[in-house]
Amino acid sequence: MALRFLCAALGAALILGAQLVLAQQPAAAGDAELAHRHKTAMCIGCHGIPGYRTAFPEVYHVPKIAGQQPAYLIGALKAYKSGDRSHPSMRGIAASLSDQDMADLAAYYGVPAK
């Protein structure tokens, strides 16, 4: 019985240690060129039109994303993906993105607008 407890405790400690090491790893660097060539099409239809307003789910001004801080863009996309932000179109788009896709898009849009 004591050996089982010791093995379970050791296993839990190893898992916790691995999680801590992984949590301390830097986020994947984004590839702005890759995003520009393959991933921005879903963004420019709304966020690439100056002064654009949309009517779904209600009329509102679509925010400019070019020049935002990359960490903000990644955080916003993750919040849409998790449901913490509720815009239906953005939730659908973010749900299709991997963490690397988000990093790539943030690298592309997270620079001063040209």
N, C-alpha and C. Protein backbone atom coordinates (compact mmCIF):
# COMPACT_ATOMS: atom_id res chain seq x y z
N MET A 1 0.83 -1.19 0.00
CA MET A 1 0.00 0.00 0.00
C MET A 1 0.87 1.25 0.00
N ALA A 2 1.90 1.28 0.85
CA ALA A 2 2.78 2.43 0.91
C ALA A 2 3.54 2.60 -0.40
N LEU A 3 3.91 1.48 -1.04
CA LEU A 3 4.63 1.54 -2.31
C LEU A 3 3.74 2.13 -3.40
N ARG A 4 2.47 1.75 -3.42
CA ARG A 4 1.54 2.33 -4.40
C ARG A 4 1.41 3.83 -4.21
N PHE A 5 1.28 4.25 -2.97
CA PHE A 5 1.17 5.68 -2.66
C PHE A 5 2.43 6.41 -3.11
N LEU A 6 3.59 5.83 -2.82
CA LEU A 6 4.86 6.44 -3.20
C LEU A 6 4.97 6.55 -4.72
N CYS A 7 4.59 5.51 -5.45
CA CYS A 7 4.63 5.53 -6.92
C CYS A 7 3.66 6.58 -7.47
N ALA A 8 2.47 6.64 -6.90
CA ALA A 8 1.49 7.64 -7.36
C ALA A 8 1.98 9.04 -7.10
N ALA A 9 2.57 9.28 -5.93
CA ALA A 9 3.09 10.60 -5.59
C ALA A 9 4.25 10.98 -6.50
N LEU A 10 5.13 10.03 -6.78
CA LEU A 10 6.26 10.27 -7.66
C LEU A 10 5.78 10.58 -9.08
N GLY A 11 4.80 9.83 -9.55
CA GLY A 11 4.24 10.07 -10.88
C GLY A 11 3.60 11.45 -10.98
N ALA A 12 2.86 11.84 -9.95
CA ALA A 12 2.24 13.16 -9.93
C ALA A 12 3.30 14.26 -9.92
N ALA A 13 4.37 14.06 -9.16
CA ALA A 13 5.45 15.05 -9.10
C ALA A 13 6.14 15.19 -10.46
N LEU A 14 6.34 14.08 -11.14
CA LEU A 14 6.97 14.13 -12.47
C LEU A 14 6.08 14.85 -13.47
N ILE A 15 4.80 14.60 -13.43
CA ILE A 15 3.86 15.27 -14.34
C ILE A 15 3.83 16.76 -14.05
N LEU A 16 3.76 17.13 -12.78
CA LEU A 16 3.76 18.54 -12.41
C LEU A 16 5.05 19.22 -12.85
N GLY A 17 6.17 18.55 -12.65
CA GLY A 17 7.45 19.11 -13.08
C GLY A 17 7.50 19.31 -14.58
N ALA A 18 7.00 18.37 -15.34
CA ALA A 18 6.98 18.49 -16.80
C ALA A 18 6.08 19.64 -17.23
N GLN A 19 4.94 19.81 -16.56
CA GLN A 19 4.05 20.91 -16.89
C GLN A 19 4.70 22.25 -16.60
N LEU A 20 5.43 22.34 -15.50
CA LEU A 20 6.11 23.60 -15.18
C LEU A 20 7.18 23.92 -16.20
N VAL A 21 7.93 22.93 -16.64
CA VAL A 21 8.96 23.15 -17.65
C VAL A 21 8.33 23.62 -18.95
N LEU A 22 7.24 22.96 -19.37
CA LEU A 22 6.57 23.34 -20.61
C LEU A 22 5.98 24.74 -20.51
N ALA A 23 5.45 25.10 -19.36
CA ALA A 23 4.85 26.42 -19.18
C ALA A 23 5.89 27.53 -19.28
N GLN A 24 7.15 27.22 -18.97
CA GLN A 24 8.20 28.23 -19.01
C GLN A 24 8.83 28.37 -20.39
N GLN A 25 8.45 27.50 -21.33
CA GLN A 25 8.99 27.59 -22.67
C GLN A 25 8.44 28.82 -23.36
N PRO A 26 9.26 29.53 -24.13
CA PRO A 26 8.75 30.71 -24.84
C PRO A 26 7.73 30.29 -25.89
N ALA A 27 6.80 31.19 -26.18
CA ALA A 27 5.81 30.92 -27.21
C ALA A 27 6.51 30.82 -28.56
N ALA A 28 5.90 30.06 -29.44
CA ALA A 28 6.47 29.90 -30.78
C ALA A 28 6.54 31.26 -31.46
N ALA A 29 7.65 31.52 -32.13
CA ALA A 29 7.79 32.76 -32.86
C ALA A 29 6.88 32.72 -34.08
N GLY A 30 6.26 33.83 -34.35
CA GLY A 30 5.38 33.90 -35.51
C GLY A 30 6.16 34.18 -36.78
N ASP A 31 5.62 33.74 -37.88
CA ASP A 31 6.21 33.94 -39.20
C ASP A 31 5.30 34.89 -39.97
N ALA A 32 5.66 36.17 -40.01
CA ALA A 32 4.84 37.18 -40.66
C ALA A 32 4.68 36.91 -42.15
N GLU A 33 5.73 36.48 -42.81
CA GLU A 33 5.66 36.22 -44.25
C GLU A 33 4.72 35.06 -44.55
N LEU A 34 4.80 34.01 -43.77
CA LEU A 34 3.91 32.87 -43.95
C LEU A 34 2.46 33.29 -43.74
N ALA A 35 2.21 34.07 -42.72
CA ALA A 35 0.86 34.56 -42.46
C ALA A 35 0.37 35.40 -43.63
N HIS A 36 1.24 36.27 -44.12
CA HIS A 36 0.85 37.15 -45.23
C HIS A 36 0.48 36.34 -46.47
N ARG A 37 1.22 35.30 -46.76
CA ARG A 37 0.98 34.50 -47.96
C ARG A 37 -0.19 33.54 -47.82
N HIS A 38 -0.46 33.05 -46.61
CA HIS A 38 -1.42 31.94 -46.49
C HIS A 38 -2.53 32.11 -45.47
N LYS A 39 -2.45 33.08 -44.59
CA LYS A 39 -3.39 33.08 -43.47
C LYS A 39 -4.20 34.35 -43.30
N THR A 40 -3.91 35.42 -44.02
CA THR A 40 -4.59 36.69 -43.77
C THR A 40 -5.90 36.86 -44.51
N ALA A 41 -6.20 35.99 -45.46
CA ALA A 41 -7.42 36.14 -46.26
C ALA A 41 -8.67 36.23 -45.40
N MET A 42 -8.72 35.48 -44.31
CA MET A 42 -9.90 35.49 -43.46
C MET A 42 -9.99 36.77 -42.63
N CYS A 43 -8.91 37.54 -42.56
CA CYS A 43 -8.89 38.76 -41.74
C CYS A 43 -9.19 40.01 -42.57
N ILE A 44 -8.61 40.08 -43.77
CA ILE A 44 -8.67 41.32 -44.53
C ILE A 44 -10.07 41.68 -45.01
N GLY A 45 -10.95 40.69 -45.11
CA GLY A 45 -12.31 40.97 -45.55
C GLY A 45 -13.06 41.91 -44.64
N CYS A 46 -12.70 41.97 -43.38
CA CYS A 46 -13.34 42.89 -42.43
C CYS A 46 -12.33 43.89 -41.87
N HIS A 47 -11.21 43.37 -41.38
CA HIS A 47 -10.24 44.22 -40.69
C HIS A 47 -9.35 45.01 -41.64
N GLY A 48 -9.41 44.74 -42.93
CA GLY A 48 -8.58 45.44 -43.90
C GLY A 48 -9.29 46.57 -44.61
N ILE A 49 -10.51 46.87 -44.23
CA ILE A 49 -11.29 47.92 -44.89
C ILE A 49 -11.42 49.10 -43.93
N PRO A 50 -10.78 50.23 -44.23
CA PRO A 50 -10.86 51.39 -43.32
C PRO A 50 -12.31 51.82 -43.07
N GLY A 51 -12.65 51.97 -41.80
CA GLY A 51 -13.98 52.43 -41.41
C GLY A 51 -15.09 51.43 -41.61
N TYR A 52 -14.76 50.17 -41.81
CA TYR A 52 -15.77 49.15 -42.10
C TYR A 52 -16.69 48.92 -40.91
N ARG A 53 -17.97 48.77 -41.22
CA ARG A 53 -18.97 48.40 -40.23
C ARG A 53 -19.66 47.15 -40.74
N THR A 54 -20.03 46.29 -39.83
CA THR A 54 -20.73 45.07 -40.21
C THR A 54 -22.08 45.03 -39.52
N ALA A 55 -22.97 44.22 -40.02
CA ALA A 55 -24.31 44.13 -39.47
C ALA A 55 -24.58 42.79 -38.80
N PHE A 56 -23.55 42.00 -38.55
CA PHE A 56 -23.77 40.71 -37.91
C PHE A 56 -22.86 40.58 -36.70
N PRO A 57 -23.32 40.24 -35.57
CA PRO A 57 -24.71 40.00 -35.20
C PRO A 57 -25.49 41.29 -34.98
N GLU A 58 -24.81 42.42 -34.96
CA GLU A 58 -25.45 43.73 -34.87
C GLU A 58 -24.52 44.71 -35.57
N VAL A 59 -24.98 45.92 -35.83
CA VAL A 59 -24.13 46.89 -36.49
C VAL A 59 -23.07 47.38 -35.51
N TYR A 60 -21.82 47.29 -35.93
CA TYR A 60 -20.72 47.79 -35.10
C TYR A 60 -19.52 48.07 -35.99
N HIS A 61 -18.63 48.88 -35.48
CA HIS A 61 -17.40 49.23 -36.18
C HIS A 61 -16.40 48.09 -36.00
N VAL A 62 -15.83 47.63 -37.11
CA VAL A 62 -14.83 46.55 -37.05
C VAL A 62 -13.49 47.18 -36.67
N PRO A 63 -12.84 46.70 -35.63
CA PRO A 63 -11.58 47.33 -35.19
C PRO A 63 -10.42 47.07 -36.15
N LYS A 64 -9.55 48.04 -36.19
CA LYS A 64 -8.31 47.90 -36.95
C LYS A 64 -7.37 47.00 -36.14
N ILE A 65 -6.78 46.01 -36.78
CA ILE A 65 -5.87 45.13 -36.05
C ILE A 65 -4.41 45.36 -36.42
N ALA A 66 -4.16 45.98 -37.56
CA ALA A 66 -2.77 46.26 -37.95
C ALA A 66 -2.15 47.21 -36.95
N GLY A 67 -0.96 46.87 -36.47
CA GLY A 67 -0.25 47.71 -35.52
C GLY A 67 -0.53 47.39 -34.06
N GLN A 68 -1.43 46.45 -33.79
CA GLN A 68 -1.69 46.04 -32.40
C GLN A 68 -0.49 45.27 -31.87
N GLN A 69 -0.37 45.20 -30.57
CA GLN A 69 0.68 44.41 -29.95
C GLN A 69 0.44 42.93 -30.22
N PRO A 70 1.46 42.19 -30.64
CA PRO A 70 1.27 40.76 -30.91
C PRO A 70 0.65 39.99 -29.75
N ALA A 71 1.07 40.27 -28.52
CA ALA A 71 0.52 39.56 -27.36
C ALA A 71 -0.98 39.83 -27.22
N TYR A 72 -1.41 41.04 -27.52
CA TYR A 72 -2.83 41.37 -27.46
C TYR A 72 -3.60 40.58 -28.51
N LEU A 73 -3.07 40.53 -29.74
CA LEU A 73 -3.75 39.80 -30.81
C LEU A 73 -3.88 38.32 -30.48
N ILE A 74 -2.81 37.73 -29.98
CA ILE A 74 -2.85 36.30 -29.60
C ILE A 74 -3.85 36.09 -28.47
N GLY A 75 -3.82 36.96 -27.47
CA GLY A 75 -4.75 36.84 -26.36
C GLY A 75 -6.20 36.96 -26.81
N ALA A 76 -6.47 37.89 -27.73
CA ALA A 76 -7.83 38.06 -28.23
C ALA A 76 -8.28 36.82 -29.01
N LEU A 77 -7.41 36.30 -29.86
CA LEU A 77 -7.77 35.10 -30.63
C LEU A 77 -8.02 33.91 -29.71
N LYS A 78 -7.17 33.76 -28.70
CA LYS A 78 -7.37 32.65 -27.75
C LYS A 78 -8.68 32.82 -26.98
N ALA A 79 -9.02 34.07 -26.64
CA ALA A 79 -10.27 34.31 -25.92
C ALA A 79 -11.48 34.00 -26.80
N TYR A 80 -11.40 34.32 -28.09
CA TYR A 80 -12.50 33.93 -28.99
C TYR A 80 -12.58 32.41 -29.09
N LYS A 81 -11.43 31.76 -29.23
CA LYS A 81 -11.41 30.30 -29.38
C LYS A 81 -11.98 29.60 -28.14
N SER A 82 -11.67 30.11 -26.96
CA SER A 82 -12.14 29.48 -25.72
C SER A 82 -13.58 29.85 -25.37
N GLY A 83 -14.09 30.89 -26.02
CA GLY A 83 -15.45 31.34 -25.70
C GLY A 83 -15.49 32.48 -24.71
N ASP A 84 -14.33 32.94 -24.22
CA ASP A 84 -14.31 34.07 -23.30
C ASP A 84 -14.75 35.36 -23.99
N ARG A 85 -14.54 35.46 -25.29
CA ARG A 85 -15.09 36.53 -26.11
C ARG A 85 -16.15 35.87 -26.98
N SER A 86 -17.24 36.60 -27.24
CA SER A 86 -18.40 35.90 -27.79
C SER A 86 -18.81 36.25 -29.22
N HIS A 87 -18.07 37.03 -29.97
CA HIS A 87 -18.51 37.37 -31.32
C HIS A 87 -18.57 36.10 -32.18
N PRO A 88 -19.73 35.78 -32.76
CA PRO A 88 -19.89 34.51 -33.47
C PRO A 88 -18.92 34.31 -34.63
N SER A 89 -18.73 35.33 -35.45
CA SER A 89 -17.82 35.17 -36.59
C SER A 89 -16.39 34.95 -36.12
N MET A 90 -15.96 35.73 -35.15
CA MET A 90 -14.59 35.60 -34.65
C MET A 90 -14.40 34.27 -33.92
N ARG A 91 -15.41 33.81 -33.23
CA ARG A 91 -15.30 32.49 -32.57
C ARG A 91 -15.10 31.40 -33.59
N GLY A 92 -15.83 31.47 -34.70
CA GLY A 92 -15.68 30.48 -35.76
C GLY A 92 -14.31 30.52 -36.40
N ILE A 93 -13.81 31.71 -36.65
CA ILE A 93 -12.48 31.85 -37.25
C ILE A 93 -11.41 31.37 -36.29
N ALA A 94 -11.47 31.83 -35.05
CA ALA A 94 -10.44 31.47 -34.06
C ALA A 94 -10.44 29.97 -33.79
N ALA A 95 -11.60 29.35 -33.86
CA ALA A 95 -11.68 27.91 -33.59
C ALA A 95 -10.86 27.11 -34.60
N SER A 96 -10.66 27.67 -35.78
CA SER A 96 -9.90 26.97 -36.82
C SER A 96 -8.40 27.21 -36.73
N LEU A 97 -7.96 28.09 -35.82
CA LEU A 97 -6.56 28.47 -35.75
C LEU A 97 -5.79 27.66 -34.71
N SER A 98 -4.58 27.25 -35.07
CA SER A 98 -3.67 26.63 -34.10
C SER A 98 -2.92 27.74 -33.38
N ASP A 99 -2.20 27.40 -32.33
CA ASP A 99 -1.37 28.38 -31.63
C ASP A 99 -0.34 28.98 -32.59
N GLN A 100 0.20 28.16 -33.49
CA GLN A 100 1.18 28.67 -34.46
C GLN A 100 0.52 29.63 -35.44
N ASP A 101 -0.70 29.32 -35.88
CA ASP A 101 -1.43 30.24 -36.76
C ASP A 101 -1.61 31.60 -36.08
N MET A 102 -1.98 31.56 -34.80
CA MET A 102 -2.18 32.80 -34.06
C MET A 102 -0.88 33.59 -33.95
N ALA A 103 0.22 32.90 -33.68
CA ALA A 103 1.52 33.56 -33.59
C ALA A 103 1.91 34.16 -34.94
N ASP A 104 1.65 33.45 -36.02
CA ASP A 104 1.98 33.96 -37.36
C ASP A 104 1.16 35.21 -37.68
N LEU A 105 -0.14 35.16 -37.41
CA LEU A 105 -0.99 36.32 -37.67
C LEU A 105 -0.59 37.51 -36.80
N ALA A 106 -0.25 37.25 -35.55
CA ALA A 106 0.19 38.33 -34.66
C ALA A 106 1.50 38.93 -35.14
N ALA A 107 2.39 38.10 -35.68
CA ALA A 107 3.65 38.61 -36.21
C ALA A 107 3.39 39.49 -37.42
N TYR A 108 2.41 39.14 -38.22
CA TYR A 108 2.10 39.93 -39.42
C TYR A 108 1.38 41.23 -39.05
N TYR A 109 0.32 41.14 -38.27
CA TYR A 109 -0.47 42.33 -37.94
C TYR A 109 0.14 43.14 -36.80
N GLY A 110 1.00 42.55 -36.02
CA GLY A 110 1.55 43.22 -34.86
C GLY A 110 2.72 44.12 -35.18
N VAL A 111 2.75 44.69 -36.33
CA VAL A 111 3.78 45.65 -36.72
C VAL A 111 3.07 46.92 -37.16
N PRO A 112 3.77 48.04 -37.19
CA PRO A 112 3.12 49.28 -37.61
C PRO A 112 2.47 49.12 -39.00
N ALA A 113 1.29 49.70 -39.14
CA ALA A 113 0.58 49.63 -40.43
C ALA A 113 1.42 50.28 -41.51
N LYS A 114 1.37 49.67 -42.69
CA LYS A 114 2.17 50.19 -43.81
C LYS A 114 1.33 51.04 -44.73
